[in-house]
Protein backbone atom coordinates (compact mmCIF):
# COMPACT_ATOMS: atom_id res chain seq x y z
CA MET A 1 7.37 83.80 -51.20
CA ARG A 2 6.03 80.74 -52.58
CA LYS A 3 6.45 77.07 -52.27
CA ALA A 4 8.68 74.51 -53.99
CA ILE A 5 8.61 70.86 -53.93
CA PHE A 6 11.63 69.59 -55.98
CA SER A 7 11.59 65.87 -56.89
CA VAL A 8 15.48 64.78 -57.09
CA LEU A 9 17.17 61.41 -58.07
CA VAL A 10 20.50 60.55 -56.25
CA HIS A 11 23.01 57.74 -56.98
CA ASN A 12 21.82 55.01 -53.71
CA GLU A 13 25.83 55.99 -51.90
CA TYR A 14 26.83 56.62 -48.45
CA GLY A 15 27.11 60.52 -47.57
CA VAL A 16 24.38 61.30 -49.96
CA VAL A 17 21.71 63.08 -48.24
CA THR A 18 24.47 64.66 -45.79
CA ARG A 19 25.74 66.67 -48.98
CA ILE A 20 22.50 67.90 -50.05
CA SER A 21 21.51 68.90 -46.34
CA GLY A 22 24.43 70.47 -45.62
CA LEU A 23 24.49 72.70 -49.39
CA PHE A 24 20.87 73.69 -47.44
CA THR A 25 22.75 74.80 -44.19
CA ARG A 26 25.55 76.43 -45.77
CA ARG A 27 23.48 78.22 -48.40
CA GLY A 28 20.88 79.33 -45.57
CA PHE A 29 18.15 77.65 -47.67
CA ASN A 30 14.47 76.91 -45.64
CA ILE A 31 13.68 73.78 -46.29
CA THR A 32 10.42 72.34 -44.82
CA SER A 33 10.08 68.87 -45.68
CA PHE A 34 12.73 66.44 -46.73
CA THR A 35 11.99 62.66 -47.71
CA GLY A 36 13.82 60.52 -49.69
CA GLU A 37 13.76 56.67 -50.27
CA GLU A 38 15.57 53.48 -52.63
CA THR A 39 13.39 53.92 -56.39
CA GLU A 40 12.30 50.39 -57.97
CA ASP A 41 16.20 50.34 -58.93
CA PRO A 42 18.17 50.04 -55.58
CA LYS A 43 21.19 52.35 -57.25
CA ILE A 44 19.12 55.17 -57.39
CA SER A 45 17.33 57.30 -54.64
CA ARG A 46 14.48 60.01 -54.98
CA ILE A 47 14.52 62.56 -52.49
CA THR A 48 11.92 64.63 -53.08
CA ILE A 49 12.68 68.37 -51.27
CA VAL A 50 9.72 71.17 -50.53
CA ALA A 51 11.33 74.59 -49.77
CA GLU A 52 10.04 77.95 -49.77
CA GLY A 53 11.81 81.27 -50.98
CA ASP A 54 11.42 83.86 -53.63
CA GLU A 55 11.87 83.05 -57.03
CA ARG A 56 16.09 83.69 -57.10
CA GLU A 57 16.26 81.66 -53.87
CA LEU A 58 14.71 79.07 -55.21
CA SER A 59 16.38 79.09 -58.47
CA GLN A 60 19.33 78.86 -56.44
CA ILE A 61 18.48 75.46 -54.31
CA LYS A 62 17.55 73.80 -57.66
CA SER A 63 21.06 74.69 -59.56
CA GLN A 64 22.63 74.35 -56.41
CA VAL A 65 21.35 71.16 -56.15
CA GLU A 66 22.40 70.00 -59.40
CA LYS A 67 25.80 70.37 -59.04
CA LEU A 68 26.62 68.14 -56.01
CA VAL A 69 28.19 64.84 -57.34
CA ASP A 70 25.57 61.97 -57.31
CA VAL A 71 22.56 64.06 -58.21
CA ILE A 72 21.08 62.56 -61.29
CA LYS A 73 17.88 65.12 -62.06
CA VAL A 74 16.44 67.51 -60.44
CA VAL A 75 12.47 68.63 -61.53
CA GLU A 76 10.04 70.98 -59.89
CA LEU A 77 6.75 69.58 -59.68
CA ASP A 78 3.72 72.00 -60.72
CA ILE A 79 2.41 72.11 -57.46
CA LYS A 80 -1.01 72.30 -59.16
CA ALA A 81 -0.44 69.59 -61.37
CA SER A 82 1.24 66.86 -58.84
CA VAL A 83 -0.73 64.45 -56.19
CA GLN A 84 0.93 65.87 -52.69
CA ARG A 85 0.60 63.21 -49.66
CA GLU A 86 2.30 63.11 -46.04
CA LEU A 87 1.66 60.47 -43.70
CA ALA A 88 1.15 60.91 -39.52
CA LEU A 89 0.78 59.08 -36.32
CA ILE A 90 -0.86 60.74 -33.53
CA LYS A 91 -0.80 59.56 -30.20
CA VAL A 92 -3.73 60.59 -28.43
CA LYS A 93 -5.58 60.48 -24.66
CA THR A 94 -8.74 58.53 -24.54
CA GLN A 95 -11.22 58.00 -21.59
CA ASP A 96 -13.99 55.92 -21.74
CA THR A 97 -16.15 59.02 -22.15
CA ASN A 98 -14.20 60.45 -25.07
CA ARG A 99 -13.14 57.19 -27.09
CA THR A 100 -16.53 56.83 -29.29
CA GLU A 101 -15.95 60.56 -30.50
CA ILE A 102 -12.26 60.24 -31.52
CA PHE A 103 -13.31 57.24 -33.43
CA GLN A 104 -15.88 59.16 -35.22
CA ILE A 105 -13.52 62.24 -36.26
CA VAL A 106 -11.01 59.57 -37.72
CA GLU A 107 -14.02 58.00 -39.45
CA SER A 108 -14.44 61.16 -40.71
CA PHE A 109 -11.22 62.07 -41.78
CA ARG A 110 -10.62 58.42 -43.66
CA ALA A 111 -7.67 57.87 -41.04
CA LYS A 112 -7.23 54.83 -38.94
CA VAL A 113 -6.46 53.80 -35.26
CA VAL A 114 -3.88 51.56 -35.90
CA ASP A 115 -3.17 50.99 -31.96
CA ILE A 116 -5.52 51.32 -28.93
CA GLU A 117 -4.06 51.47 -24.91
CA PRO A 118 -6.88 52.18 -22.38
CA GLU A 119 -5.45 55.79 -22.21
CA ALA A 120 -4.55 56.21 -25.92
CA VAL A 121 -4.82 55.12 -28.99
CA ILE A 122 -2.90 55.90 -31.84
CA ILE A 123 -3.92 56.79 -34.94
CA GLU A 124 -2.53 56.91 -38.90
CA ILE A 125 -3.68 59.65 -41.45
CA THR A 126 -2.46 59.99 -45.04
CA GLY A 127 -3.34 62.87 -46.81
CA ASP A 128 -2.20 66.81 -48.55
CA LEU A 129 -0.98 69.16 -46.00
CA ASP A 130 -4.40 70.52 -45.25
CA LYS A 131 -6.16 67.54 -43.88
CA VAL A 132 -3.17 65.96 -41.80
CA LYS A 133 -3.21 70.19 -40.13
CA ALA A 134 -6.92 70.10 -39.78
CA PHE A 135 -7.04 66.62 -38.16
CA LEU A 136 -3.91 67.66 -35.92
CA ASN A 137 -6.02 70.79 -34.57
CA MET A 138 -8.95 68.50 -33.92
CA MET A 139 -7.27 66.28 -32.31
CA LYS A 140 -5.02 68.87 -29.58
CA HIS A 141 -8.57 69.47 -27.99
CA TYR A 142 -8.54 65.75 -26.57
CA GLY A 143 -4.89 65.49 -25.82
CA ILE A 144 -1.48 65.28 -28.31
CA ILE A 145 0.76 62.65 -26.36
CA GLU A 146 3.13 62.85 -29.32
CA SER A 147 3.00 62.94 -33.24
CA VAL A 148 5.28 62.04 -36.41
CA ARG A 149 5.44 62.99 -39.56
CA THR A 150 6.87 61.88 -42.64
CA GLY A 151 7.14 65.61 -44.49
CA ILE A 152 5.64 65.75 -47.95
CA ILE A 153 6.13 63.03 -50.75
CA ALA A 154 4.65 63.84 -54.18
CA LEU A 155 4.75 62.88 -57.68
CA GLN A 156 3.51 64.63 -61.11
CA ARG A 157 0.15 63.95 -62.70
CA GLY A 158 -0.41 61.95 -65.88
CA LYS A 159 2.26 59.03 -67.34
CA GLU A 160 5.47 61.15 -67.80
CA SER A 161 8.01 60.32 -64.54
CA ILE A 162 11.11 62.02 -63.35
CA HIS A 163 13.16 59.46 -65.47
CA ASN A 164 11.54 60.67 -68.80
CA GLU A 165 11.00 63.94 -67.92
CA PRO A 166 12.42 66.35 -70.84
CA ASP A 167 15.73 68.24 -70.51
CA PRO A 168 15.28 72.10 -71.56
CA GLU A 169 18.93 72.45 -72.13
CA LYS A 170 19.38 69.94 -74.24
CA GLY A 171 16.14 70.77 -76.51
CA GLU A 172 14.28 68.43 -75.55
CA THR A 173 10.06 69.31 -75.03
CA LEU A 174 6.83 67.07 -73.92
């Protein structure tokens, strides 16, 4: 079983996310992360899908998503040659006795405190999946009240983009 990151360009229209997520539900594919946002062109959105499966399942995911009417392009990013990030907000219990210690951990992870109350702080952390998980594990010791995560977003390294990514089916190469 391996992890794959798919970058998907779609027409920014009502129901696109429902059709894509419905496909995953009907086919029984396992999505570990699903994020999306309008691109620099407001008519187009970019969705990042992280899925796990064997080679056959991952190939099926790509081909099934490509068949959807609102999908413009699907590219599987090279995990080793892409930059991946996730954002998390974590609300942690604090007391006068441990606040300084929590702040030192926040600083060492290059995170930041974005809200302070007498009995809790909200911390923002951005990084790869391992960094976010490691930080969450550290904060468990102090008591996580609640947390929220964006899911993974990713871009391929280098000057190429999904907009000019070659299409092997049309004989295009880098």
